[in-house]
C-alpha atoms as a PDB file:
ATOM      1  CA  MET A   1    -128.677 156.235 315.700  1.00  0.00           C
ATOM      2  CA  ILE A   2    -125.941 155.743 313.143  1.00  0.00           C
ATOM      3  CA  GLU A   3    -127.670 152.608 311.873  1.00  0.00           C
ATOM      4  CA  GLN A   4    -130.938 154.483 311.428  1.00  0.00           C
ATOM      5  CA  LYS A   5    -129.255 157.237 309.461  1.00  0.00           C
ATOM      6  CA  ALA A   6    -127.628 154.677 307.178  1.00  0.00           C
ATOM      7  CA  GLY A   7    -131.079 153.173 306.493  1.00  0.00           C
ATOM      8  CA  ARG A   8    -130.338 149.818 308.112  1.00  0.00           C
ATOM      9  CA  ARG A   9    -132.995 147.876 309.949  1.00  0.00           C
ATOM     10  CA  TYR A  10    -132.719 147.093 313.621  1.00  0.00           C
ATOM     11  CA  GLN A  11    -131.508 143.557 314.240  1.00  0.00           C
ATOM     12  CA  LYS A  12    -134.205 141.278 315.621  1.00  0.00           C
ATOM     13  CA  GLY A  13    -134.072 138.046 317.557  1.00  0.00           C
ATOM     14  CA  SER A  14    -131.294 135.635 316.734  1.00  0.00           C
ATOM     15  CA  ASP A  15    -129.756 138.150 314.296  1.00  0.00           C
ATOM     16  CA  ARG A  16    -128.529 140.100 317.311  1.00  0.00           C
ATOM     17  CA  PRO A  17    -124.966 139.132 318.293  1.00  0.00           C
ATOM     18  CA  ALA A  18    -125.877 138.795 321.990  1.00  0.00           C
ATOM     19  CA  ALA A  19    -128.977 136.623 321.440  1.00  0.00           C
ATOM     20  CA  LYS A  20    -129.145 133.569 323.686  1.00  0.00           C
ATOM     21  CA  LEU A  21    -132.017 131.933 321.815  1.00  0.00           C
ATOM     22  CA  THR A  22    -132.808 131.040 318.233  1.00  0.00           C
ATOM     23  CA  ASP A  23    -136.128 131.575 316.481  1.00  0.00           C
ATOM     24  CA  GLU A  24    -136.704 127.814 316.652  1.00  0.00           C
ATOM     25  CA  GLN A  25    -136.219 127.809 320.428  1.00  0.00           C
ATOM     26  CA  ILE A  26    -138.770 130.619 320.785  1.00  0.00           C
ATOM     27  CA  VAL A  27    -141.349 128.533 318.918  1.00  0.00           C
ATOM     28  CA  GLU A  28    -140.486 125.526 321.136  1.00  0.00           C
ATOM     29  CA  ILE A  29    -140.919 127.616 324.300  1.00  0.00           C
ATOM     30  CA  ARG A  30    -144.306 128.948 323.162  1.00  0.00           C
ATOM     31  CA  GLU A  31    -145.565 125.539 322.038  1.00  0.00           C
ATOM     32  CA  THR A  32    -144.347 123.766 325.185  1.00  0.00           C
ATOM     33  CA  TYR A  33    -145.939 126.353 327.450  1.00  0.00           C
ATOM     34  CA  ALA A  34    -149.202 126.290 325.473  1.00  0.00           C
ATOM     35  CA  ARG A  35    -149.458 122.484 325.825  1.00  0.00           C
ATOM     36  CA  GLY A  36    -149.112 122.822 329.584  1.00  0.00           C
ATOM     37  CA  GLY A  37    -147.279 120.700 332.096  1.00  0.00           C
ATOM     38  CA  TYR A  38    -144.320 123.077 332.364  1.00  0.00           C
ATOM     39  CA  THR A  39    -144.079 126.255 334.378  1.00  0.00           C
ATOM     40  CA  GLN A  40    -142.317 129.343 333.154  1.00  0.00           C
ATOM     41  CA  ALA A  41    -139.633 128.648 335.772  1.00  0.00           C
ATOM     42  CA  ASP A  42    -139.118 125.139 334.320  1.00  0.00           C
ATOM     43  CA  LEU A  43    -138.679 126.568 330.831  1.00  0.00           C
ATOM     44  CA  ALA A  44    -136.353 129.297 332.097  1.00  0.00           C
ATOM     45  CA  GLU A  45    -134.080 126.714 333.705  1.00  0.00           C
ATOM     46  CA  THR A  46    -134.124 124.510 330.598  1.00  0.00           C
ATOM     47  CA  TYR A  47    -133.149 127.343 328.257  1.00  0.00           C
ATOM     48  CA  GLY A  48    -130.829 129.213 330.639  1.00  0.00           C
ATOM     49  CA  ILE A  49    -132.882 132.411 330.754  1.00  0.00           C
ATOM     50  CA  THR A  50    -134.944 134.171 333.411  1.00  0.00           C
ATOM     51  CA  GLN A  51    -138.570 133.423 334.199  1.00  0.00           C
ATOM     52  CA  GLY A  52    -139.392 137.043 333.392  1.00  0.00           C
ATOM     53  CA  LEU A  53    -138.055 136.642 329.858  1.00  0.00           C
ATOM     54  CA  VAL A  54    -140.065 133.439 329.416  1.00  0.00           C
ATOM     55  CA  SER A  55    -143.160 135.375 330.463  1.00  0.00           C
ATOM     56  CA  LEU A  56    -142.449 138.089 327.895  1.00  0.00           C
ATOM     57  CA  ILE A  57    -141.859 135.455 325.196  1.00  0.00           C
ATOM     58  CA  VAL A  58    -145.003 133.379 325.817  1.00  0.00           C
ATOM     59  CA  ASN A  59    -147.176 136.497 326.063  1.00  0.00           C
ATOM     60  CA  GLY A  60    -145.869 137.908 322.795  1.00  0.00           C
ATOM     61  CA  LYS A  61    -144.161 140.964 324.276  1.00  0.00           C
ATOM     62  CA  ARG A  62    -140.710 139.863 323.066  1.00  0.00           C
ATOM     63  CA  TRP A  63    -139.700 138.071 319.855  1.00  0.00           C
ATOM     64  CA  ARG A  64    -142.961 139.241 318.245  1.00  0.00           C
ATOM     65  CA  HIS A  65    -141.640 138.501 314.778  1.00  0.00           C
ATOM     66  CA  VAL A  66    -141.491 134.759 315.559  1.00  0.00           C
ATOM     67  CA  SER A  67    -144.583 132.585 315.243  1.00  0.00           C
ATOM     68  CA  GLY A  68    -145.971 130.244 317.836  1.00  0.00           C
ATOM     69  CA  PRO A  69    -149.015 130.144 320.067  1.00  0.00           C
ATOM     70  CA  ILE A  70    -149.586 133.297 322.104  1.00  0.00           C
ATOM     71  CA  PRO A  71    -152.413 133.139 324.659  1.00  0.00           C
ATOM     72  CA  LEU A  72    -155.362 135.440 324.266  1.00  0.00           C
ATOM     73  CA  THR A  73    -156.465 137.497 327.208  1.00  0.00           C
ATOM     74  CA  LYS A  74    -159.068 135.820 329.354  1.00  0.00           C
ATOM     75  CA  PRO A  75    -162.612 137.141 328.961  1.00  0.00           C
ATOM     76  CA  ALA A  76    -164.040 138.931 331.978  1.00  0.00           C
ATOM     77  CA  GLN A  77    -165.929 136.681 334.358  1.00  0.00           C
ATOM     78  CA  THR A  78    -169.661 137.136 334.517  1.00  0.00           C
ATOM     79  CA  GLU A  79    -171.402 137.588 337.833  1.00  0.00           C
ATOM     80  CA  GLN A  80    -172.858 134.064 337.626  1.00  0.00           C
ATOM     81  CA  GLU A  81    -169.421 132.461 337.227  1.00  0.00           C
ATOM     82  CA  THR A  82    -168.122 134.148 340.381  1.00  0.00           C
ATOM     83  CA  ASN A  83    -171.049 132.943 342.533  1.00  0.00           C
END
């Protein structure tokens, strides 16, 4: 709250002192996952983070200010596709 009153912005991403990843690593994670061949668990182990955080990163729920491919939601299946 003190920071907000002073007019300072909230620290994002690698600007946070406790950040484990850099902006460049976030882009690498998103690009690697988008190309396929690696599971979220594989990426989590490689970068020393949890699979849940990888999921949030690749789906654009965390580190939103960093670019990189974020998957679109899948369109609903039609009745013909399910039969």
